[in-house]
């Protein structure tokens, strides 16, 4: 597109791709994506990722035993940010009660 417009791409405007990250981060994001989302049935609130079976995923992807704790901490961090993001978007989407 930049070529057609005769401009140079701006690095700050390029979207980040998963391949831009270190292999460990790519693996972590892949594992996070595999985990099932948990939603509150009645209220429709996002509760976070279901971590049942995460140790099996670590084994399948051959995560070093020393890295498992760190990966789990990062997954919790990602999930807490995602939970807050979804809650904020849900608040904005709900119509005001009159």
N, C-alpha and C. Protein backbone atom coordinates (compact mmCIF):
# COMPACT_ATOMS: atom_id res chain seq x y z
N UNK A 1 0.82 -1.18 0.00
CA UNK A 1 0.00 0.00 0.00
C UNK A 1 0.87 1.25 0.00
N UNK A 2 1.95 1.24 0.82
CA UNK A 2 2.85 2.39 0.86
C UNK A 2 3.48 2.62 -0.51
N UNK A 3 3.80 1.52 -1.20
CA UNK A 3 4.41 1.64 -2.52
C UNK A 3 3.46 2.32 -3.50
N UNK A 4 2.18 1.96 -3.43
CA UNK A 4 1.19 2.56 -4.32
C UNK A 4 1.00 4.04 -4.03
N UNK A 5 1.15 4.42 -2.75
CA UNK A 5 0.96 5.82 -2.36
C UNK A 5 2.25 6.61 -2.45
N UNK A 6 3.37 5.93 -2.68
CA UNK A 6 4.65 6.61 -2.79
C UNK A 6 5.18 7.09 -1.45
N UNK A 7 4.87 6.36 -0.39
CA UNK A 7 5.34 6.75 0.94
C UNK A 7 6.16 5.61 1.54
N UNK A 8 6.89 5.93 2.60
CA UNK A 8 7.66 4.94 3.34
C UNK A 8 6.84 4.46 4.54
N UNK A 9 6.91 3.17 4.88
CA UNK A 9 6.16 2.70 6.06
C UNK A 9 6.74 3.29 7.34
N UNK A 10 5.84 3.63 8.25
CA UNK A 10 6.21 4.16 9.55
C UNK A 10 6.21 3.00 10.55
N UNK A 11 7.36 2.70 11.13
CA UNK A 11 7.48 1.57 12.05
C UNK A 11 6.50 1.65 13.22
N UNK A 12 6.17 2.86 13.67
CA UNK A 12 5.28 3.03 14.81
C UNK A 12 3.84 2.67 14.47
N UNK A 13 3.50 2.67 13.19
CA UNK A 13 2.13 2.40 12.77
C UNK A 13 1.91 0.97 12.31
N UNK A 14 2.98 0.19 12.21
CA UNK A 14 2.86 -1.19 11.77
C UNK A 14 2.28 -2.05 12.90
N UNK A 15 1.33 -2.93 12.58
CA UNK A 15 0.80 -3.80 13.63
C UNK A 15 1.85 -4.82 14.07
N UNK A 16 1.79 -5.18 15.34
CA UNK A 16 2.70 -6.17 15.89
C UNK A 16 2.18 -7.55 15.50
N UNK A 17 3.09 -8.40 15.05
CA UNK A 17 2.73 -9.77 14.70
C UNK A 17 3.39 -10.71 15.70
N UNK A 18 2.81 -11.89 15.86
CA UNK A 18 3.33 -12.84 16.84
C UNK A 18 4.78 -13.21 16.54
N UNK A 19 5.16 -13.21 15.29
CA UNK A 19 6.53 -13.57 14.92
C UNK A 19 7.54 -12.50 15.32
N UNK A 20 7.06 -11.32 15.73
CA UNK A 20 7.95 -10.26 16.19
C UNK A 20 8.47 -10.54 17.60
N UNK A 21 7.83 -11.45 18.32
CA UNK A 21 8.20 -11.73 19.69
C UNK A 21 9.23 -12.86 19.76
N UNK A 22 9.88 -12.96 20.92
CA UNK A 22 10.81 -14.06 21.17
C UNK A 22 10.04 -15.39 21.11
N UNK A 23 10.72 -16.49 20.77
CA UNK A 23 10.03 -17.80 20.70
C UNK A 23 9.32 -18.17 21.99
N UNK A 24 9.88 -17.82 23.14
CA UNK A 24 9.23 -18.13 24.42
C UNK A 24 7.90 -17.40 24.56
N UNK A 25 7.86 -16.17 24.10
CA UNK A 25 6.62 -15.38 24.18
C UNK A 25 5.60 -15.95 23.19
N UNK A 26 6.06 -16.36 22.02
CA UNK A 26 5.16 -16.98 21.05
C UNK A 26 4.54 -18.24 21.63
N UNK A 27 5.35 -19.05 22.29
CA UNK A 27 4.85 -20.27 22.91
C UNK A 27 3.85 -19.95 24.01
N UNK A 28 4.17 -18.98 24.83
CA UNK A 28 3.29 -18.58 25.92
C UNK A 28 1.93 -18.11 25.38
N UNK A 29 1.96 -17.30 24.33
CA UNK A 29 0.71 -16.82 23.74
C UNK A 29 -0.08 -17.96 23.09
N UNK A 30 0.62 -18.93 22.53
CA UNK A 30 -0.06 -20.08 21.95
C UNK A 30 -0.77 -20.89 23.03
N UNK A 31 -0.07 -21.13 24.14
CA UNK A 31 -0.67 -21.87 25.25
C UNK A 31 -1.86 -21.10 25.81
N UNK A 32 -1.71 -19.80 25.97
CA UNK A 32 -2.81 -18.96 26.47
C UNK A 32 -4.03 -19.06 25.55
N UNK A 33 -3.78 -19.07 24.25
CA UNK A 33 -4.88 -19.15 23.29
C UNK A 33 -5.61 -20.48 23.32
N UNK A 34 -4.90 -21.54 23.69
CA UNK A 34 -5.51 -22.87 23.74
C UNK A 34 -6.43 -23.02 24.95
N UNK A 35 -6.09 -22.35 26.03
CA UNK A 35 -6.89 -22.48 27.26
C UNK A 35 -8.31 -21.98 27.02
N UNK A 36 -9.26 -22.67 27.63
CA UNK A 36 -10.68 -22.35 27.44
C UNK A 36 -11.09 -21.13 28.28
N UNK A 37 -11.90 -20.26 27.68
CA UNK A 37 -12.45 -19.11 28.40
C UNK A 37 -13.58 -19.57 29.31
N UNK A 38 -13.67 -18.96 30.49
CA UNK A 38 -14.76 -19.24 31.42
C UNK A 38 -15.64 -18.00 31.53
N UNK A 39 -16.93 -18.19 31.32
CA UNK A 39 -17.89 -17.09 31.40
C UNK A 39 -18.95 -17.42 32.43
N UNK A 40 -19.37 -16.39 33.15
CA UNK A 40 -20.49 -16.54 34.08
C UNK A 40 -21.76 -16.64 33.24
N UNK A 41 -22.50 -17.70 33.43
CA UNK A 41 -23.64 -17.97 32.55
C UNK A 41 -24.72 -16.90 32.65
N UNK A 42 -25.12 -16.54 33.84
CA UNK A 42 -26.26 -15.63 34.00
C UNK A 42 -25.87 -14.18 33.71
N UNK A 43 -24.77 -13.72 34.28
CA UNK A 43 -24.40 -12.32 34.12
C UNK A 43 -23.61 -12.04 32.87
N UNK A 44 -23.07 -13.06 32.23
CA UNK A 44 -22.29 -12.86 31.03
C UNK A 44 -20.92 -12.25 31.28
N UNK A 45 -20.42 -12.39 32.51
CA UNK A 45 -19.12 -11.83 32.85
C UNK A 45 -18.01 -12.81 32.52
N UNK A 46 -16.89 -12.28 32.03
CA UNK A 46 -15.73 -13.11 31.74
C UNK A 46 -15.00 -13.38 33.04
N UNK A 47 -14.77 -14.66 33.34
CA UNK A 47 -14.13 -15.05 34.60
C UNK A 47 -12.65 -15.35 34.43
N UNK A 48 -12.19 -15.50 33.21
CA UNK A 48 -10.79 -15.80 32.96
C UNK A 48 -10.62 -17.14 32.28
N UNK A 49 -9.37 -17.53 32.13
CA UNK A 49 -9.05 -18.80 31.49
C UNK A 49 -9.20 -19.95 32.47
N UNK A 50 -9.66 -21.08 31.98
CA UNK A 50 -9.72 -22.30 32.76
C UNK A 50 -8.35 -22.94 32.69
N UNK A 51 -7.68 -23.06 33.82
CA UNK A 51 -6.32 -23.57 33.86
C UNK A 51 -6.24 -25.08 34.03
N UNK A 52 -7.39 -25.76 34.00
CA UNK A 52 -7.35 -27.23 34.07
C UNK A 52 -6.59 -27.75 32.86
N UNK A 53 -5.62 -28.57 33.10
CA UNK A 53 -4.86 -29.16 32.01
C UNK A 53 -3.65 -28.36 31.56
N UNK A 54 -3.38 -27.24 32.23
CA UNK A 54 -2.25 -26.42 31.79
C UNK A 54 -0.92 -27.16 31.96
N UNK A 55 -0.81 -27.99 32.98
CA UNK A 55 0.44 -28.75 33.16
C UNK A 55 0.63 -29.74 32.02
N UNK A 56 -0.47 -30.29 31.52
CA UNK A 56 -0.37 -31.17 30.35
C UNK A 56 0.10 -30.40 29.12
N UNK A 57 -0.40 -29.19 28.96
CA UNK A 57 0.05 -28.36 27.84
C UNK A 57 1.53 -28.03 27.98
N UNK A 58 1.96 -27.73 29.19
CA UNK A 58 3.38 -27.46 29.41
C UNK A 58 4.22 -28.68 29.02
N UNK A 59 3.72 -29.86 29.34
CA UNK A 59 4.45 -31.08 28.99
C UNK A 59 4.45 -31.30 27.47
N UNK A 60 3.31 -31.10 26.83
CA UNK A 60 3.23 -31.30 25.38
C UNK A 60 4.19 -30.36 24.66
N UNK A 61 4.25 -29.11 25.12
CA UNK A 61 5.13 -28.12 24.48
C UNK A 61 6.54 -28.12 25.08
N UNK A 62 6.80 -29.10 25.94
CA UNK A 62 8.12 -29.31 26.53
C UNK A 62 8.67 -28.05 27.20
N UNK A 63 7.81 -27.40 28.00
CA UNK A 63 8.24 -26.25 28.77
C UNK A 63 9.14 -26.74 29.90
N UNK A 64 10.30 -26.15 30.03
CA UNK A 64 11.24 -26.52 31.08
C UNK A 64 10.58 -26.36 32.44
N UNK A 65 10.86 -27.29 33.35
CA UNK A 65 10.21 -27.26 34.67
C UNK A 65 10.51 -25.97 35.43
N UNK A 66 11.67 -25.39 35.20
CA UNK A 66 11.99 -24.12 35.86
C UNK A 66 11.20 -22.94 35.29
N UNK A 67 10.72 -23.07 34.06
CA UNK A 67 9.97 -21.99 33.42
C UNK A 67 8.47 -22.06 33.68
N UNK A 68 7.98 -23.19 34.16
CA UNK A 68 6.54 -23.36 34.34
C UNK A 68 5.94 -22.33 35.27
N UNK A 69 6.60 -22.03 36.36
CA UNK A 69 6.09 -21.04 37.32
C UNK A 69 6.02 -19.66 36.66
N UNK A 70 7.08 -19.31 35.94
CA UNK A 70 7.12 -18.01 35.26
C UNK A 70 6.02 -17.92 34.21
N UNK A 71 5.84 -18.98 33.42
CA UNK A 71 4.79 -18.99 32.40
C UNK A 71 3.42 -18.82 33.06
N UNK A 72 3.20 -19.51 34.15
CA UNK A 72 1.92 -19.42 34.84
C UNK A 72 1.67 -18.01 35.36
N UNK A 73 2.71 -17.36 35.89
CA UNK A 73 2.57 -15.98 36.36
C UNK A 73 2.22 -15.04 35.21
N UNK A 74 2.85 -15.24 34.06
CA UNK A 74 2.56 -14.38 32.90
C UNK A 74 1.14 -14.64 32.39
N UNK A 75 0.71 -15.89 32.40
CA UNK A 75 -0.66 -16.21 31.99
C UNK A 75 -1.65 -15.54 32.92
N UNK A 76 -1.40 -15.54 34.22
CA UNK A 76 -2.28 -14.84 35.16
C UNK A 76 -2.28 -13.33 34.89
N UNK A 77 -1.14 -12.78 34.59
CA UNK A 77 -1.04 -11.35 34.27
C UNK A 77 -1.84 -11.02 33.01
N UNK A 78 -1.64 -11.80 31.95
CA UNK A 78 -2.39 -11.60 30.71
C UNK A 78 -3.90 -11.69 30.98
N UNK A 79 -4.28 -12.68 31.75
CA UNK A 79 -5.69 -12.90 32.01
C UNK A 79 -6.30 -11.77 32.83
N UNK A 80 -5.57 -11.27 33.81
CA UNK A 80 -6.12 -10.17 34.61
C UNK A 80 -6.31 -8.91 33.76
N UNK A 81 -5.39 -8.66 32.85
CA UNK A 81 -5.54 -7.51 31.94
C UNK A 81 -6.74 -7.73 31.01
N UNK A 82 -6.87 -8.95 30.50
CA UNK A 82 -7.98 -9.26 29.59
C UNK A 82 -9.32 -9.18 30.31
N UNK A 83 -9.38 -9.67 31.55
CA UNK A 83 -10.62 -9.60 32.34
C UNK A 83 -11.04 -8.14 32.50
N UNK A 84 -10.11 -7.29 32.88
CA UNK A 84 -10.42 -5.87 33.07
C UNK A 84 -10.85 -5.21 31.76
N UNK A 85 -10.16 -5.55 30.68
CA UNK A 85 -10.50 -4.98 29.36
C UNK A 85 -11.92 -5.36 28.96
N UNK A 86 -12.29 -6.63 29.12
CA UNK A 86 -13.63 -7.09 28.76
C UNK A 86 -14.68 -6.43 29.65
N UNK A 87 -14.40 -6.31 30.94
CA UNK A 87 -15.36 -5.67 31.86
C UNK A 87 -15.58 -4.20 31.48
N UNK A 88 -14.52 -3.50 31.14
CA UNK A 88 -14.66 -2.10 30.74
C UNK A 88 -15.50 -1.97 29.47
N UNK A 89 -15.28 -2.86 28.51
CA UNK A 89 -16.05 -2.83 27.27
C UNK A 89 -17.51 -3.18 27.51
N UNK A 90 -17.77 -4.10 28.44
CA UNK A 90 -19.15 -4.46 28.76
C UNK A 90 -19.87 -3.29 29.41
N UNK A 91 -19.18 -2.52 30.25
CA UNK A 91 -19.80 -1.36 30.89
C UNK A 91 -20.18 -0.32 29.86
N UNK A 92 -19.34 -0.14 28.85
CA UNK A 92 -19.60 0.87 27.83
C UNK A 92 -20.73 0.45 26.91
N UNK A 93 -20.91 -0.86 26.71
CA UNK A 93 -21.93 -1.34 25.80
C UNK A 93 -23.32 -1.37 26.42
N UNK A 94 -23.41 -1.46 27.76
CA UNK A 94 -24.71 -1.55 28.42
C UNK A 94 -25.41 -0.19 28.35
N UNK A 95 -26.67 -0.20 27.91
CA UNK A 95 -27.42 1.06 27.86
C UNK A 95 -27.75 1.55 29.27
N UNK A 96 -27.80 2.85 29.41
CA UNK A 96 -28.13 3.44 30.71
C UNK A 96 -29.59 3.14 31.05
N UNK A 97 -29.83 2.79 32.33
CA UNK A 97 -31.20 2.52 32.78
C UNK A 97 -31.88 3.84 33.14
N UNK A 98 -33.13 3.93 32.72
CA UNK A 98 -33.88 5.15 33.03
C UNK A 98 -35.04 4.87 33.92
